[in-house]
Amino acid sequence: MIEKTGEIELVQGDITKIKVDAIVNAANESLLGGGGVDGAIHRVAGAELLKECRSLNGCKTGQAKVTKGHNLLAKYVIHTVGPVYEKNDDSCETLLESCYFESLKIAGEMNLKSIAFPCISTGIYGYPKKYATGIAVQTVRTWAKRFGVEEVYFVVFDGENHKLYKSFLDLQGWEL
């Protein structure tokens, strides 16, 4: 299911099947694959992605690093490490914002025009989905155009996340 108005698209589906300049991987600090989105991206991209990730020496929480897309439809994968949610820890919000900001910054530096984001930190890392969605939408709306990114896709796997993103996008408008 794809809903589009303006320059933000909300997609319920598989991020590995999105044809964009870059997809964002909700990675762990090792960048060597894992579960959820990270595992799916590594499985589809193939062994060359793992080989390239090994050369990056990991990634710190809130930061991002880029690799080629290998067997994916996307040309590149921007790997970012979201925070493990800790209630009453203000740094969690800052680190999650940084994941989106740093990913968009890399896209801008590489002159990429389209990017697809999964939900970051809302799985095993436990970030409350409602708060994470608000941070994602606000950060993208604030920074995407400033970095020259013309199209942003929020790619969610399930109906619950689709509903959350749709409500935030409907409230704030769809355009960047």
Protein backbone atom coordinates (compact mmCIF):
# COMPACT_ATOMS: atom_id res chain seq x y z
CA MET A 1 0.00 0.00 0.00
CA ILE A 2 1.51 3.34 -1.08
CA GLU A 3 0.09 6.69 -0.12
CA LYS A 4 1.62 9.74 -1.76
CA THR A 5 1.07 13.42 -1.66
CA GLY A 6 3.87 15.90 -2.17
CA GLU A 7 7.34 14.59 -1.55
CA ILE A 8 6.77 12.16 1.29
CA GLU A 9 5.46 8.69 0.61
CA LEU A 10 4.17 6.26 3.17
CA VAL A 11 4.62 2.65 2.10
CA GLN A 12 3.46 -0.45 3.91
CA GLY A 13 5.73 -3.18 2.68
CA ASP A 14 9.29 -4.45 2.39
CA ILE A 15 12.04 -1.81 2.31
CA THR A 16 14.29 -4.15 0.31
CA LYS A 17 11.86 -3.86 -2.62
CA ILE A 18 11.95 -0.05 -2.81
CA LYS A 19 13.83 1.47 -5.74
CA VAL A 20 15.45 4.65 -4.41
CA ASP A 21 18.92 6.13 -4.30
CA ALA A 22 19.37 4.90 -0.71
CA ILE A 23 17.56 2.85 1.87
CA VAL A 24 18.33 3.31 5.54
CA ASN A 25 19.22 0.28 7.60
CA ALA A 26 18.25 0.22 11.27
CA ALA A 27 21.54 -1.46 12.14
CA ASN A 28 23.33 -2.55 15.27
CA GLU A 29 26.74 -1.13 16.20
CA SER A 30 28.67 -3.96 14.51
CA LEU A 31 26.93 -3.33 11.13
CA LEU A 32 27.25 -7.07 10.53
CA GLY A 33 23.57 -7.91 10.29
CA GLY A 34 21.00 -8.96 12.83
CA GLY A 35 17.25 -9.36 13.03
CA GLY A 36 14.35 -7.34 11.66
CA VAL A 37 15.10 -4.77 8.97
CA ASP A 38 18.85 -5.23 9.38
CA GLY A 39 18.66 -8.97 8.74
CA ALA A 40 16.31 -8.54 5.77
CA ILE A 41 18.60 -5.97 4.13
CA HIS A 42 21.67 -8.17 4.59
CA ARG A 43 19.88 -11.25 3.22
CA VAL A 44 18.75 -9.48 0.05
CA ALA A 45 21.93 -7.44 -0.50
CA GLY A 46 24.11 -10.55 -0.23
CA ALA A 47 27.57 -11.42 1.01
CA GLU A 48 29.22 -8.39 -0.58
CA LEU A 49 27.31 -6.10 1.80
CA LEU A 50 28.63 -7.99 4.80
CA LYS A 51 32.15 -7.82 3.39
CA GLU A 52 31.86 -4.06 2.87
CA CYS A 53 30.35 -3.56 6.34
CA ARG A 54 33.29 -5.37 7.93
CA SER A 55 35.60 -2.73 6.45
CA LEU A 56 33.66 0.09 8.22
CA ASN A 57 34.63 -0.99 11.76
CA GLY A 58 31.14 -0.54 13.17
CA CYS A 59 29.10 2.57 13.85
CA LYS A 60 28.22 4.45 17.02
CA THR A 61 24.67 5.07 18.17
CA GLY A 62 23.17 8.13 16.47
CA GLN A 63 25.71 8.04 13.65
CA ALA A 64 25.48 6.70 10.09
CA LYS A 65 27.74 5.11 7.49
CA VAL A 66 27.12 4.24 3.84
CA THR A 67 27.74 1.21 1.65
CA LYS A 68 26.74 0.18 -1.84
CA GLY A 69 23.35 -1.49 -2.25
CA HIS A 70 24.80 -4.60 -3.91
CA ASN A 71 21.82 -6.87 -4.79
CA LEU A 72 19.20 -4.39 -3.57
CA LEU A 73 17.16 -2.14 -5.85
CA ALA A 74 18.60 0.83 -3.94
CA LYS A 75 22.01 2.08 -5.06
CA TYR A 76 23.19 2.60 -1.48
CA VAL A 77 22.47 1.54 2.07
CA ILE A 78 22.87 4.11 4.81
CA HIS A 79 23.37 2.23 8.06
CA THR A 80 22.37 4.02 11.25
CA VAL A 81 22.31 2.80 14.82
CA GLY A 82 19.33 3.86 16.88
CA PRO A 83 19.31 4.12 20.65
CA VAL A 84 18.09 1.45 23.02
CA TYR A 85 15.18 3.20 24.74
CA GLU A 86 15.62 4.15 28.39
CA LYS A 87 12.69 5.89 30.05
CA ASN A 88 13.59 9.35 31.39
CA ASP A 89 16.84 9.43 29.39
CA ASP A 90 16.74 12.61 27.28
CA SER A 91 19.71 11.45 25.22
CA CYS A 92 17.49 8.81 23.56
CA GLU A 93 15.50 11.48 21.71
CA THR A 94 18.67 13.31 20.66
CA LEU A 95 20.27 10.09 19.41
CA LEU A 96 17.17 9.07 17.46
CA GLU A 97 16.94 12.51 15.83
CA SER A 98 20.61 12.16 14.96
CA CYS A 99 19.95 8.88 13.11
CA TYR A 100 17.60 10.66 10.69
CA PHE A 101 19.75 13.81 10.50
CA GLU A 102 23.00 11.93 9.81
CA SER A 103 21.31 9.72 7.20
CA LEU A 104 19.93 12.77 5.39
CA LYS A 105 23.30 14.51 5.68
CA ILE A 106 25.05 11.57 3.97
CA ALA A 107 22.38 11.56 1.26
CA GLY A 108 22.98 15.28 0.71
CA GLU A 109 26.76 14.91 0.60
CA MET A 110 26.36 12.20 -2.04
CA ASN A 111 23.77 14.22 -3.98
CA LEU A 112 21.15 11.50 -3.54
CA LYS A 113 17.60 12.59 -4.31
CA SER A 114 15.51 9.78 -2.82
CA ILE A 115 15.75 7.91 0.46
CA ALA A 116 13.64 5.31 2.27
CA PHE A 117 13.52 5.03 6.06
CA PRO A 118 12.29 2.08 8.13
CA CYS A 119 11.13 2.47 11.70
CA ILE A 120 14.30 2.99 13.74
CA SER A 121 14.69 1.70 17.34
CA THR A 122 11.04 0.62 17.71
CA GLY A 123 11.66 -3.12 17.55
CA ILE A 124 13.96 -4.88 19.97
CA TYR A 125 15.44 -1.52 21.04
CA GLY A 126 12.07 -0.69 22.62
CA TYR A 127 11.52 2.93 21.60
CA PRO A 128 7.80 3.76 21.97
CA LYS A 129 6.42 3.79 18.43
CA LYS A 130 4.36 6.95 18.83
CA TYR A 131 7.33 9.01 20.03
CA ALA A 132 9.72 7.53 17.48
CA THR A 133 7.26 8.31 14.67
CA GLY A 134 6.96 11.94 15.75
CA ILE A 135 10.74 12.31 15.88
CA ALA A 136 11.12 10.68 12.45
CA VAL A 137 8.52 12.85 10.72
CA GLN A 138 9.65 16.11 12.33
CA THR A 139 13.35 15.52 11.66
CA VAL A 140 12.75 14.59 8.03
CA ARG A 141 10.46 17.58 7.46
CA THR A 142 13.07 19.88 9.00
CA TRP A 143 16.16 18.60 7.18
CA ALA A 144 15.39 16.72 3.95
CA LYS A 145 15.10 19.71 1.62
CA ARG A 146 18.02 21.47 3.28
CA PHE A 147 20.19 18.51 2.26
CA GLY A 148 18.71 18.42 -1.25
CA VAL A 149 16.70 15.22 -0.76
CA GLU A 150 13.60 15.45 -2.94
CA GLU A 151 11.72 12.26 -2.09
CA VAL A 152 11.42 10.54 1.28
CA TYR A 153 9.72 7.21 1.81
CA PHE A 154 8.69 5.96 5.22
CA VAL A 155 8.49 2.21 4.74
CA VAL A 156 6.65 0.37 7.47
CA PHE A 157 6.05 -3.34 7.67
CA ASP A 158 2.79 -3.52 9.62
CA GLY A 159 -0.59 -1.88 9.93
CA GLU A 160 0.06 -0.42 13.38
CA ASN A 161 3.07 1.58 12.19
CA HIS A 162 1.27 2.56 8.98
CA LYS A 163 -1.58 4.02 11.03
CA LEU A 164 0.84 5.94 13.28
CA TYR A 165 2.81 7.44 10.40
CA LYS A 166 -0.36 8.29 8.52
CA SER A 167 -1.74 10.16 11.52
CA PHE A 168 1.47 12.19 11.94
CA LEU A 169 1.69 12.94 8.23
CA ASP A 170 -2.00 13.89 8.03
CA LEU A 171 -1.61 16.21 11.01
CA GLN A 172 1.50 17.93 9.70
CA GLY A 173 0.91 17.79 5.98
CA TRP A 174 2.77 15.62 3.52
CA GLU A 175 5.20 18.01 1.88
CA LEU A 176 8.76 18.47 3.05
